[in-house]
C-alpha atoms as a PDB file:
ATOM      1  CA  MET A   1       0.000   0.000   0.000  1.00  0.00           C
ATOM      2  CA  THR A   2       1.251   3.441  -0.895  1.00  0.00           C
ATOM      3  CA  PRO A   3       0.560   6.674   1.010  1.00  0.00           C
ATOM      4  CA  VAL A   4      -1.460   7.925  -1.957  1.00  0.00           C
ATOM      5  CA  THR A   5      -3.689   4.818  -1.854  1.00  0.00           C
ATOM      6  CA  LEU A   6      -4.245   5.147   1.891  1.00  0.00           C
ATOM      7  CA  PHE A   7      -5.046   8.842   1.921  1.00  0.00           C
ATOM      8  CA  LYS A   8      -7.261   8.700  -1.176  1.00  0.00           C
ATOM      9  CA  CYS A   9      -9.222   5.888   0.423  1.00  0.00           C
ATOM     10  CA  LEU A  10      -9.583   7.800   3.693  1.00  0.00           C
ATOM     11  CA  SER A  11     -10.327  11.165   2.064  1.00  0.00           C
ATOM     12  CA  ASP A  12     -14.052  10.441   2.333  1.00  0.00           C
ATOM     13  CA  GLU A  13     -15.503  11.144   5.785  1.00  0.00           C
ATOM     14  CA  THR A  14     -17.780   8.084   5.765  1.00  0.00           C
ATOM     15  CA  ARG A  15     -14.891   5.741   4.962  1.00  0.00           C
ATOM     16  CA  LEU A  16     -12.717   7.399   7.597  1.00  0.00           C
ATOM     17  CA  LEU A  17     -15.457   7.090  10.223  1.00  0.00           C
ATOM     18  CA  CYS A  18     -16.085   3.447   9.311  1.00  0.00           C
ATOM     19  CA  LEU A  19     -12.396   2.643   9.639  1.00  0.00           C
ATOM     20  CA  LEU A  20     -11.984   4.449  12.970  1.00  0.00           C
ATOM     21  CA  LEU A  21     -15.121   2.866  14.426  1.00  0.00           C
ATOM     22  CA  ILE A  22     -13.982  -0.572  13.288  1.00  0.00           C
ATOM     23  CA  ARG A  23     -10.572   0.042  14.865  1.00  0.00           C
ATOM     24  CA  GLN A  24     -12.206   1.213  18.096  1.00  0.00           C
ATOM     25  CA  GLU A  25     -14.601  -1.746  18.316  1.00  0.00           C
ATOM     26  CA  GLU A  26     -12.196  -4.305  16.734  1.00  0.00           C
ATOM     27  CA  GLU A  27     -15.001  -5.716  14.573  1.00  0.00           C
ATOM     28  CA  MET A  28     -18.344  -4.333  13.459  1.00  0.00           C
ATOM     29  CA  CYS A  29     -21.393  -5.567  11.618  1.00  0.00           C
ATOM     30  CA  VAL A  30     -22.812  -3.473   8.791  1.00  0.00           C
ATOM     31  CA  CYS A  31     -25.952  -2.887  10.866  1.00  0.00           C
ATOM     32  CA  GLU A  32     -23.866  -1.429  13.706  1.00  0.00           C
ATOM     33  CA  LEU A  33     -22.170   0.972  11.320  1.00  0.00           C
ATOM     34  CA  THR A  34     -25.482   2.055   9.764  1.00  0.00           C
ATOM     35  CA  GLU A  35     -26.883   2.724  13.242  1.00  0.00           C
ATOM     36  CA  SER A  36     -23.886   4.670  14.523  1.00  0.00           C
ATOM     37  CA  LEU A  37     -23.451   6.719  11.337  1.00  0.00           C
ATOM     38  CA  GLY A  38     -27.163   7.243  10.676  1.00  0.00           C
ATOM     39  CA  LEU A  39     -26.745   6.175   7.039  1.00  0.00           C
ATOM     40  CA  SER A  40     -28.475   3.659   4.810  1.00  0.00           C
ATOM     41  CA  GLN A  41     -27.197   0.097   4.528  1.00  0.00           C
ATOM     42  CA  PRO A  42     -26.398   0.393   0.792  1.00  0.00           C
ATOM     43  CA  LYS A  43     -24.330   3.536   1.366  1.00  0.00           C
ATOM     44  CA  VAL A  44     -22.352   1.996   4.242  1.00  0.00           C
ATOM     45  CA  SER A  45     -21.838  -1.233   2.290  1.00  0.00           C
ATOM     46  CA  ARG A  46     -20.531   0.703  -0.706  1.00  0.00           C
ATOM     47  CA  HIS A  47     -17.961   2.483   1.472  1.00  0.00           C
ATOM     48  CA  LEU A  48     -16.964  -0.776   3.171  1.00  0.00           C
ATOM     49  CA  ALA A  49     -16.418  -2.328  -0.259  1.00  0.00           C
ATOM     50  CA  GLN A  50     -14.054   0.531  -1.087  1.00  0.00           C
ATOM     51  CA  LEU A  51     -12.156   0.046   2.180  1.00  0.00           C
ATOM     52  CA  LYS A  52     -11.866  -3.638   1.348  1.00  0.00           C
ATOM     53  CA  ALA A  53     -10.662  -2.887  -2.198  1.00  0.00           C
ATOM     54  CA  CYS A  54      -7.994  -0.588  -0.711  1.00  0.00           C
ATOM     55  CA  GLY A  55      -6.807  -3.467   1.475  1.00  0.00           C
ATOM     56  CA  LEU A  56      -7.730  -1.811   4.764  1.00  0.00           C
ATOM     57  CA  VAL A  57     -10.443  -4.179   6.009  1.00  0.00           C
ATOM     58  CA  LEU A  58     -11.452  -7.810   5.799  1.00  0.00           C
ATOM     59  CA  ASP A  59     -14.960  -9.161   6.051  1.00  0.00           C
ATOM     60  CA  ARG A  60     -16.504 -12.394   7.216  1.00  0.00           C
ATOM     61  CA  LYS A  61     -20.004 -13.756   7.016  1.00  0.00           C
ATOM     62  CA  GLN A  62     -21.836 -15.191   9.991  1.00  0.00           C
ATOM     63  CA  GLY A  63     -25.301 -16.270   8.994  1.00  0.00           C
ATOM     64  CA  LEU A  64     -27.029 -13.180   7.631  1.00  0.00           C
ATOM     65  CA  TRP A  65     -24.451 -10.809   9.138  1.00  0.00           C
ATOM     66  CA  SER A  66     -21.361  -9.320   7.511  1.00  0.00           C
ATOM     67  CA  PHE A  67     -18.626  -8.314   9.952  1.00  0.00           C
ATOM     68  CA  TYR A  68     -15.642  -6.088   9.169  1.00  0.00           C
ATOM     69  CA  ARG A  69     -12.281  -5.788  10.898  1.00  0.00           C
ATOM     70  CA  LEU A  70      -8.946  -4.207  10.038  1.00  0.00           C
ATOM     71  CA  HIS A  71      -6.852  -6.240   7.645  1.00  0.00           C
ATOM     72  CA  ASP A  72      -4.462  -8.339   9.714  1.00  0.00           C
ATOM     73  CA  GLN A  73      -1.510  -7.654   7.389  1.00  0.00           C
ATOM     74  CA  LEU A  74      -1.501  -3.868   7.287  1.00  0.00           C
ATOM     75  CA  PRO A  75       1.958  -2.319   7.061  1.00  0.00           C
ATOM     76  CA  ASP A  76       3.150  -0.951  10.411  1.00  0.00           C
ATOM     77  CA  TRP A  77       3.074   2.630   9.169  1.00  0.00           C
ATOM     78  CA  VAL A  78      -0.601   2.270   8.131  1.00  0.00           C
ATOM     79  CA  SER A  79      -1.539   0.834  11.530  1.00  0.00           C
ATOM     80  CA  ALA A  80       0.330   3.712  13.185  1.00  0.00           C
ATOM     81  CA  VAL A  81      -1.596   6.307  11.126  1.00  0.00           C
ATOM     82  CA  ILE A  82      -4.925   4.690  12.034  1.00  0.00           C
ATOM     83  CA  ASP A  83      -4.047   4.311  15.731  1.00  0.00           C
ATOM     84  CA  THR A  84      -2.733   7.879  15.988  1.00  0.00           C
ATOM     85  CA  THR A  85      -5.824   9.265  14.269  1.00  0.00           C
ATOM     86  CA  LEU A  86      -8.086   7.292  16.595  1.00  0.00           C
ATOM     87  CA  ALA A  87      -6.163   8.296  19.728  1.00  0.00           C
ATOM     88  CA  GLY A  88      -6.203  11.986  18.833  1.00  0.00           C
ATOM     89  CA  ASN A  89      -9.875  12.261  17.912  1.00  0.00           C
ATOM     90  CA  ALA A  90     -12.002  10.920  20.753  1.00  0.00           C
ATOM     91  CA  THR A  91     -14.250  14.003  20.638  1.00  0.00           C
ATOM     92  CA  TYR A  92     -14.845  13.532  16.908  1.00  0.00           C
ATOM     93  CA  LEU A  93     -15.957   9.907  17.397  1.00  0.00           C
ATOM     94  CA  ARG A  94     -17.953  10.420  20.604  1.00  0.00           C
ATOM     95  CA  PRO A  95     -21.384  11.079  18.996  1.00  0.00           C
ATOM     96  CA  TYR A  96     -21.061   8.017  16.760  1.00  0.00           C
ATOM     97  CA  LEU A  97     -20.041   5.789  19.664  1.00  0.00           C
ATOM     98  CA  LYS A  98     -22.999   7.111  21.698  1.00  0.00           C
ATOM     99  CA  LYS A  99     -25.382   6.100  18.906  1.00  0.00           C
ATOM    100  CA  LEU A 100     -23.736   2.686  18.745  1.00  0.00           C
ATOM    101  CA  ASN A 101     -24.045   2.199  22.505  1.00  0.00           C
ATOM    102  CA  ARG A 102     -27.757   3.107  22.351  1.00  0.00           C
ATOM    103  CA  MET A 103     -28.339   0.471  19.684  1.00  0.00           C
ATOM    104  CA  GLY A 104     -30.785  -2.196  20.783  1.00  0.00           C
ATOM    105  CA  SER A 105     -29.710  -5.734  20.110  1.00  0.00           C
ATOM    106  CA  ARG A 106     -26.246  -5.882  18.606  1.00  0.00           C
ATOM    107  CA  PRO A 107     -25.367  -9.095  16.791  1.00  0.00           C
ATOM    108  CA  ASP A 108     -23.472 -11.758  18.715  1.00  0.00           C
ATOM    109  CA  ARG A 109     -20.051 -12.756  17.478  1.00  0.00           C
ATOM    110  CA  ILE A 110     -19.080 -16.396  17.342  1.00  0.00           C
ATOM    111  CA  SER A 111     -15.501 -15.617  16.454  1.00  0.00           C
ATOM    112  CA  ASN A 112     -13.472 -12.512  15.738  1.00  0.00           C
ATOM    113  CA  CYS A 113     -10.943 -14.356  13.568  1.00  0.00           C
ATOM    114  CA  GLN A 114     -12.425 -16.324  10.705  1.00  0.00           C
END
């Protein structure tokens, strides 16, 4: 991954928010992202597909659910950019995490590593 690829992929606010929320929560279902971002499922799925195409996230299916997590083979410098951005922007993420925490029944996870 090149810096240009990373920053082009994260230049969209929805993709950036998805990535930071996934990093914060370790793994998220599409429905959790739609709830926390207040966006439609097709829009969130489209952005997740772009994050996957950039090599930033992996997905797994569990029944009807699709779960996303950070790619487990990200270069160290990419992980450092994501972690630093997350650590320095708690206020920015707070409203989205509040919406997520108010979500009714969140899907159960059988495994975080499939």
